Amino acid sequence: MPVGNKQLLLNGKIYDCRPDETVLQALLRQKVDVPYSCEQQVCLTCMMRSLNGLPPPNSQINLKEALRVQRFFLACGCRPTRDMEITLAAETLAVQATAKVADLNRLNSHVLELVLQCEPPLHYRAGQLITLFNSGNIGKAFPIASPSSARLSGRIEVHVERIRGGYFSEWIHEDLRAGDVLTASGATGELFYGVGAPHTPLLMAGWNGGFGALIGVMQDAFENHQAGPVYLFHGASDASHLYFVEELKEIGEKFPNFHYVPCVEQGSAPDGIACDSVRALVAHMLPDQLSGWTVFLCGAKNQVHALQRQVYLAGAAMNDIHLEVTSI
């Protein structure tokens, strides 16, 4: 190893870090898949933890005191002065937390936005599933609608669709109140925005309450300066299942590369809302060839799998199609 280089020990493997490199630059140079975004110590996406002593003080700028004393640091701002043993924040933050209900917002007659404050913070990526349990240890997984940047503050938002006959969703809609306490368990799933390729075209489609996952993914995309086109389809069984319509139209006015398409798949639709299926609208509005596109789908099994097949046949690579099937 050249003189002046430092060693980085991560997950049992040793990587070298040159004197003019940050930890993030060194790992990326050596093809290590680590989360990052702004590279300016602002977004906190690249947070890691030192296991063998304090990290350089400059690498802890913008971190809360509670994180600094636990030796968390930002890899994009860390130029090691010694060899470091490090780990990703996702591997050290809690996998279970107490989740206090901070707020309940009714988005429409079917969907409730549940705002939780977790202690300690749970690591997650927007769009992943978080499992919530009540005091009777009955639980259900919900897609995360808040952006990934909210995780360090302990904030998690989920959109809960009321499913008739679904015990847990009925309980949340009828009995849960602000101030109540749930238990939240670690985020899982592969439906999340991948940083590092901002020019990749994105197709996102969600149905009814499954739309919440895509709200989180969309926020991550624009927080990470998404430059490629973004098509966001919200399929609803009827107009009463739509929400955030005006807010998303405003985002479309702010970002020319953002195309929001709300649609009603049965019955009539009000002005400005398409009356057609998501599959038909995707076929009509998007290119015949979707090679190079990244696709995010969240909804019922038949809806998700039908569109998955459609975009795959149109050229989207299977490993670029990320989906989550919602259930009762």
Protein backbone atom coordinates (compact mmCIF):
# COMPACT_ATOMS: atom_id res chain seq x y z
CA MET A 1 0.00 0.00 0.00
CA PRO A 2 1.42 3.46 -0.91
CA VAL A 3 2.82 5.55 1.94
CA GLY A 4 0.20 7.89 3.39
CA ASN A 5 -2.76 5.69 2.52
CA LYS A 6 -5.09 4.64 5.34
CA GLN A 7 -6.93 1.35 5.70
CA LEU A 8 -10.70 1.09 5.96
CA LEU A 9 -12.12 -2.11 7.44
CA LEU A 10 -15.76 -2.59 6.39
CA ASN A 11 -17.70 -5.85 6.73
CA GLY A 12 -14.50 -7.86 7.16
CA LYS A 13 -12.81 -6.46 4.04
CA ILE A 14 -9.97 -3.95 3.86
CA TYR A 15 -10.03 -0.99 1.48
CA ASP A 16 -7.37 1.67 1.00
CA CYS A 17 -8.05 5.39 1.31
CA ARG A 18 -5.66 7.79 -0.41
CA PRO A 19 -4.59 11.04 1.32
CA ASP A 20 -6.66 13.17 -1.05
CA GLU A 21 -9.82 11.03 -0.71
CA THR A 22 -12.78 10.98 1.61
CA VAL A 23 -14.04 7.66 2.94
CA LEU A 24 -16.94 7.86 0.47
CA GLN A 25 -14.67 8.52 -2.53
CA ALA A 26 -12.37 5.66 -1.54
CA LEU A 27 -15.20 3.15 -1.20
CA LEU A 28 -16.87 4.18 -4.45
CA ARG A 29 -13.53 3.96 -6.28
CA GLN A 30 -13.26 0.36 -5.10
CA LYS A 31 -16.82 -0.45 -6.26
CA VAL A 32 -18.37 -0.67 -2.77
CA ASP A 33 -22.14 -0.13 -2.89
CA VAL A 34 -22.82 2.49 -0.21
CA PRO A 35 -25.69 5.00 0.02
CA TYR A 36 -24.88 8.62 -0.76
CA SER A 37 -26.42 11.67 -2.39
CA CYS A 38 -25.32 15.29 -2.08
CA GLU A 39 -21.63 14.73 -1.15
CA GLN A 40 -21.75 18.05 0.75
CA GLN A 41 -22.56 16.85 4.28
CA VAL A 42 -26.14 18.08 3.98
CA CYS A 43 -28.45 15.15 3.16
CA LEU A 44 -26.88 12.73 5.73
CA THR A 45 -27.44 9.78 3.36
CA CYS A 46 -23.81 8.60 3.64
CA MET A 47 -23.76 8.42 7.45
CA MET A 48 -21.50 5.70 8.88
CA ARG A 49 -20.09 4.80 12.28
CA SER A 50 -16.52 4.45 13.50
CA LEU A 51 -15.97 1.32 15.57
CA ASN A 52 -12.41 2.03 16.71
CA GLY A 53 -12.35 5.55 18.05
CA LEU A 54 -13.60 9.04 17.27
CA PRO A 55 -13.84 10.08 13.62
CA PRO A 56 -12.36 13.42 12.48
CA PRO A 57 -14.45 16.32 13.90
CA ASN A 58 -15.11 17.82 10.46
CA SER A 59 -16.87 14.60 9.44
CA GLN A 60 -19.55 15.11 12.12
CA ILE A 61 -20.77 18.52 10.96
CA ASN A 62 -24.61 18.69 10.86
CA LEU A 63 -25.05 15.61 13.04
CA LYS A 64 -27.00 15.77 16.28
CA GLU A 65 -25.06 15.46 19.50
CA ALA A 66 -26.65 12.07 20.23
CA LEU A 67 -25.18 10.75 16.97
CA ARG A 68 -21.78 12.40 17.42
CA VAL A 69 -21.18 10.78 20.80
CA GLN A 70 -21.95 7.40 19.22
CA ARG A 71 -19.16 8.09 16.68
CA PHE A 72 -21.41 8.45 13.65
CA PHE A 73 -19.87 10.49 10.82
CA LEU A 74 -20.53 11.52 7.23
CA ALA A 75 -18.38 9.57 4.80
CA CYS A 76 -18.41 12.37 2.22
CA GLY A 77 -16.66 14.69 4.71
CA CYS A 78 -14.30 12.21 6.36
CA ARG A 79 -10.59 12.25 5.45
CA PRO A 80 -9.08 9.66 7.79
CA THR A 81 -6.06 10.53 9.90
CA ARG A 82 -5.59 6.87 10.88
CA ASP A 83 -6.83 3.41 9.95
CA MET A 84 -10.58 3.10 10.61
CA GLU A 85 -12.96 0.23 11.26
CA ILE A 86 -16.34 1.39 10.04
CA THR A 87 -19.88 0.19 9.50
CA LEU A 88 -22.93 1.49 7.68
CA ALA A 89 -25.51 3.37 9.73
CA ALA A 90 -28.16 0.88 8.59
CA GLU A 91 -26.32 -1.86 10.46
CA THR A 92 -26.13 0.00 13.76
CA LEU A 93 -29.36 1.97 14.09
CA ALA A 94 -32.21 0.23 15.88
CA VAL A 95 -34.19 -2.51 14.17
CA GLN A 96 -37.14 -1.93 16.52
CA ALA A 97 -38.43 1.26 18.07
CA THR A 98 -41.22 2.80 20.09
CA ALA A 99 -43.41 4.72 17.64
CA LYS A 100 -45.56 7.48 19.12
CA VAL A 101 -48.44 8.73 16.99
CA ALA A 102 -47.60 12.39 16.35
CA ASP A 103 -50.48 13.10 13.99
CA LEU A 104 -53.33 11.55 12.00
CA ASN A 105 -54.36 13.19 8.73
CA ARG A 106 -57.29 12.01 6.66
CA LEU A 107 -56.25 12.17 3.00
CA ASN A 108 -59.64 11.01 1.72
CA SER A 109 -62.51 8.87 2.99
CA HIS A 110 -60.41 5.72 2.49
CA VAL A 111 -56.80 6.65 3.35
CA LEU A 112 -55.33 7.95 6.61
CA GLU A 113 -51.85 9.42 6.88
CA LEU A 114 -50.20 8.16 10.05
CA VAL A 115 -47.29 10.28 11.30
CA LEU A 116 -45.00 8.51 13.77
CA GLN A 117 -42.10 9.66 15.91
CA CYS A 118 -39.71 6.77 16.57
CA GLU A 119 -37.28 6.44 19.44
CA PRO A 120 -34.61 5.42 18.71
CA PRO A 121 -34.65 6.26 14.99
CA LEU A 122 -35.18 3.41 12.54
CA HIS A 123 -33.09 3.23 9.40
CA TYR A 124 -35.22 3.13 6.25
CA ARG A 125 -35.46 4.12 2.62
CA ALA A 126 -38.64 5.75 1.37
CA GLY A 127 -40.91 3.16 -0.25
CA GLN A 128 -39.77 0.27 1.94
CA LEU A 129 -42.16 -1.54 4.27
CA ILE A 130 -42.32 -0.82 7.99
CA THR A 131 -44.19 -3.22 10.27
CA LEU A 132 -46.34 -1.70 13.03
CA PHE A 133 -47.62 -3.60 16.07
CA ASN A 134 -50.26 -2.60 18.60
CA SER A 135 -50.23 -3.50 22.31
CA GLY A 136 -51.82 -6.86 21.50
CA ASN A 137 -48.81 -7.68 19.29
CA ILE A 138 -51.02 -7.65 16.20
CA GLY A 139 -49.30 -5.96 13.30
CA LYS A 140 -49.15 -5.19 9.62
CA ALA A 141 -46.57 -3.86 7.17
CA PHE A 142 -47.09 -0.51 5.41
CA PRO A 143 -45.04 1.27 2.72
CA ILE A 144 -43.17 4.34 3.96
CA ALA A 145 -44.36 7.60 2.43
CA SER A 146 -41.85 9.95 4.09
CA PRO A 147 -38.54 10.79 2.38
CA SER A 148 -35.42 8.95 3.51
CA SER A 149 -33.99 12.24 4.84
CA ALA A 150 -36.62 12.19 7.62
CA ARG A 151 -35.27 9.03 9.21
CA LEU A 152 -32.57 10.63 11.33
CA SER A 153 -35.18 12.77 13.07
CA GLY A 154 -37.14 9.58 13.82
CA ARG A 155 -40.11 10.61 11.66
CA ILE A 156 -42.02 8.02 9.63
CA GLU A 157 -45.18 8.58 7.58
CA VAL A 158 -47.37 5.79 6.25
CA HIS A 159 -50.62 5.90 4.31
CA VAL A 160 -53.13 3.41 5.68
CA GLU A 161 -55.93 2.38 3.36
CA ARG A 162 -59.08 1.26 5.12
CA ILE A 163 -59.76 -2.32 4.06
CA ARG A 164 -63.21 -3.57 5.00
CA GLY A 165 -62.74 -6.69 7.06
CA GLY A 166 -59.05 -5.94 7.58
CA TYR A 167 -58.71 -5.85 11.36
CA PHE A 168 -55.56 -3.75 11.66
CA SER A 169 -56.50 -1.07 9.14
CA GLU A 170 -59.99 -0.81 10.65
CA TRP A 171 -58.42 -0.44 14.11
CA ILE A 172 -56.14 2.36 12.93
CA HIS A 173 -59.00 4.25 11.29
CA GLU A 174 -61.44 3.81 14.16
CA ASP A 175 -59.47 3.61 17.40
CA LEU A 176 -55.96 5.03 17.05
CA ARG A 177 -55.41 8.51 18.44
CA ALA A 178 -52.56 11.04 18.55
CA GLY A 179 -50.34 10.25 21.51
CA ASP A 180 -50.90 6.49 21.32
CA VAL A 181 -47.81 4.29 21.15
CA LEU A 182 -47.05 1.49 18.69
CA THR A 183 -44.00 -0.67 18.11
CA ALA A 184 -42.24 -0.29 14.74
CA SER A 185 -39.99 -3.00 13.36
CA GLY A 186 -37.20 -2.72 10.80
CA ALA A 187 -37.76 -1.58 7.22
CA THR A 188 -37.60 -4.19 4.47
CA GLY A 189 -38.10 -4.38 0.73
CA GLU A 190 -36.41 -3.32 -2.49
CA LEU A 191 -38.82 -0.60 -3.57
CA PHE A 192 -36.69 2.53 -3.09
CA TYR A 193 -34.91 5.15 -5.17
CA GLY A 194 -31.31 4.32 -6.07
CA VAL A 195 -29.04 7.36 -5.97
CA GLY A 196 -26.23 7.86 -8.42
CA ALA A 197 -28.10 7.77 -11.74
CA PRO A 198 -30.17 10.97 -11.84
CA HIS A 199 -30.72 10.86 -15.61
CA THR A 200 -32.41 7.44 -15.60
CA PRO A 201 -36.09 7.70 -16.63
CA LEU A 202 -38.51 6.63 -13.89
CA LEU A 203 -41.93 5.01 -14.19
CA MET A 204 -43.93 4.85 -10.95
CA ALA A 205 -47.40 3.40 -10.63
CA GLY A 206 -49.49 2.84 -7.52
CA TRP A 207 -53.07 1.88 -6.90
CA ASN A 208 -55.35 3.24 -4.15
CA GLY A 209 -53.44 3.27 -0.82
CA GLY A 210 -50.35 1.66 -2.37
CA PHE A 211 -49.70 5.09 -3.85
CA GLY A 212 -48.10 6.15 -0.54
CA ALA A 213 -44.87 4.25 -1.26
CA LEU A 214 -44.41 6.23 -4.46
CA ILE A 215 -44.88 9.54 -2.67
CA GLY A 216 -41.80 8.64 -0.65
CA VAL A 217 -39.83 7.44 -3.69
CA MET A 218 -40.75 10.62 -5.60
CA GLN A 219 -39.51 12.84 -2.76
CA ASP A 220 -36.23 10.96 -2.64
CA ALA A 221 -35.84 11.33 -6.39
CA PHE A 222 -36.17 15.11 -6.32
CA GLU A 223 -34.12 15.50 -3.14
CA ASN A 224 -31.38 13.72 -5.08
CA HIS A 225 -31.74 16.05 -8.08
CA GLN A 226 -33.49 13.65 -10.43
CA ALA A 227 -32.98 15.05 -13.93
CA GLY A 228 -34.48 12.29 -16.06
CA PRO A 229 -38.21 12.11 -16.76
CA VAL A 230 -40.50 10.94 -13.95
CA TYR A 231 -43.96 9.50 -14.72
CA LEU A 232 -46.17 9.00 -11.66
CA PHE A 233 -49.46 7.13 -12.23
CA HIS A 234 -52.11 6.84 -9.52
CA GLY A 235 -54.75 4.27 -10.38
CA ALA A 236 -57.95 4.49 -8.35
CA SER A 237 -60.98 2.25 -8.35
CA ASP A 238 -63.06 5.45 -8.27
CA ALA A 239 -62.39 9.17 -7.85
CA SER A 240 -62.86 9.08 -4.08
CA HIS A 241 -59.65 7.03 -3.74
CA LEU A 242 -57.45 9.77 -5.25
CA TYR A 243 -55.53 12.19 -3.04
CA PHE A 244 -52.79 14.84 -3.29
CA VAL A 245 -54.12 15.66 -6.77
CA GLU A 246 -53.68 19.43 -6.60
CA GLU A 247 -50.38 19.20 -4.73
CA LEU A 248 -48.90 16.86 -7.34
CA LYS A 249 -50.12 19.04 -10.18
CA GLU A 250 -48.23 21.93 -8.57
CA ILE A 251 -45.07 19.81 -8.44
CA GLY A 252 -45.52 19.18 -12.16
CA GLU A 253 -45.53 22.93 -12.72
CA LYS A 254 -42.30 23.30 -10.74
CA PHE A 255 -40.45 20.37 -12.31
CA PRO A 256 -40.86 20.09 -16.11
CA ASN A 257 -39.54 16.51 -16.05
CA PHE A 258 -42.34 15.39 -13.69
CA HIS A 259 -45.55 13.98 -15.20
CA TYR A 260 -48.38 13.15 -12.80
CA VAL A 261 -51.23 11.03 -14.19
CA PRO A 262 -54.22 10.35 -11.89
CA CYS A 263 -56.77 7.97 -13.35
CA VAL A 264 -60.04 6.29 -12.48
CA GLU A 265 -60.19 2.71 -13.70
CA GLN A 266 -63.95 2.23 -13.24
CA GLY A 267 -66.89 4.54 -13.80
CA SER A 268 -66.68 8.26 -14.56
CA ALA A 269 -63.92 10.72 -13.68
CA PRO A 270 -63.96 14.45 -12.96
CA ASP A 271 -62.32 16.95 -15.31
CA GLY A 272 -58.54 16.64 -15.43
CA ILE A 273 -58.61 12.98 -14.35
CA ALA A 274 -58.07 10.23 -16.91
CA CYS A 275 -60.76 7.56 -17.19
CA ASP A 276 -58.71 4.53 -18.15
CA SER A 277 -56.48 1.85 -16.68
CA VAL A 278 -52.88 2.52 -15.69
CA ARG A 279 -51.76 -0.16 -18.13
CA ALA A 280 -53.51 1.53 -21.05
CA LEU A 281 -52.16 4.96 -20.12
CA VAL A 282 -48.60 3.65 -19.77
CA ALA A 283 -48.85 2.06 -23.21
CA HIS A 284 -50.23 5.29 -24.68
CA MET A 285 -47.97 7.87 -23.00
CA LEU A 286 -44.58 6.15 -22.70
CA PRO A 287 -42.18 4.93 -25.40
CA ASP A 288 -42.68 1.49 -26.91
CA GLN A 289 -39.20 0.56 -25.68
CA LEU A 290 -38.50 0.99 -21.94
CA SER A 291 -34.94 -0.29 -21.96
CA GLY A 292 -32.94 1.70 -19.41
CA TRP A 293 -35.99 2.76 -17.39
CA THR A 294 -36.37 2.10 -13.66
CA VAL A 295 -39.87 1.03 -12.63
CA PHE A 296 -41.61 1.19 -9.22
CA LEU A 297 -44.98 -0.54 -8.70
CA CYS A 298 -47.14 -0.79 -5.57
CA GLY A 299 -50.65 -2.16 -5.37
CA ALA A 300 -52.72 -5.32 -5.41
CA LYS A 301 -51.15 -8.48 -6.82
CA ASN A 302 -53.11 -8.58 -10.07
CA GLN A 303 -52.43 -4.90 -10.81
CA VAL A 304 -48.72 -5.01 -10.04
CA HIS A 305 -47.96 -8.25 -11.86
CA ALA A 306 -49.90 -7.27 -14.98
CA LEU A 307 -47.96 -4.02 -15.37
CA GLN A 308 -44.72 -5.74 -14.45
CA ARG A 309 -45.19 -8.10 -17.38
CA GLN A 310 -46.15 -5.25 -19.69
CA VAL A 311 -43.08 -3.12 -18.99
CA TYR A 312 -40.81 -6.17 -19.11
CA LEU A 313 -42.09 -7.02 -22.59
CA ALA A 314 -41.47 -3.38 -23.51
CA GLY A 315 -37.77 -3.79 -22.67
CA ALA A 316 -37.42 -2.87 -18.98
CA ALA A 317 -34.85 -5.13 -17.33
CA MET A 318 -36.31 -7.38 -14.63
CA ASN A 319 -33.78 -6.14 -12.05
CA ASP A 320 -34.87 -2.56 -12.80
CA ILE A 321 -38.51 -3.33 -11.89
CA HIS A 322 -39.12 -2.84 -8.16
CA LEU A 323 -42.49 -3.81 -6.74
CA GLU A 324 -44.44 -4.22 -3.54
CA VAL A 325 -47.73 -6.08 -3.32
CA THR A 326 -50.21 -4.64 -0.82
CA SER A 327 -52.52 -6.93 1.14
CA ILE A 328 -55.23 -6.80 3.80
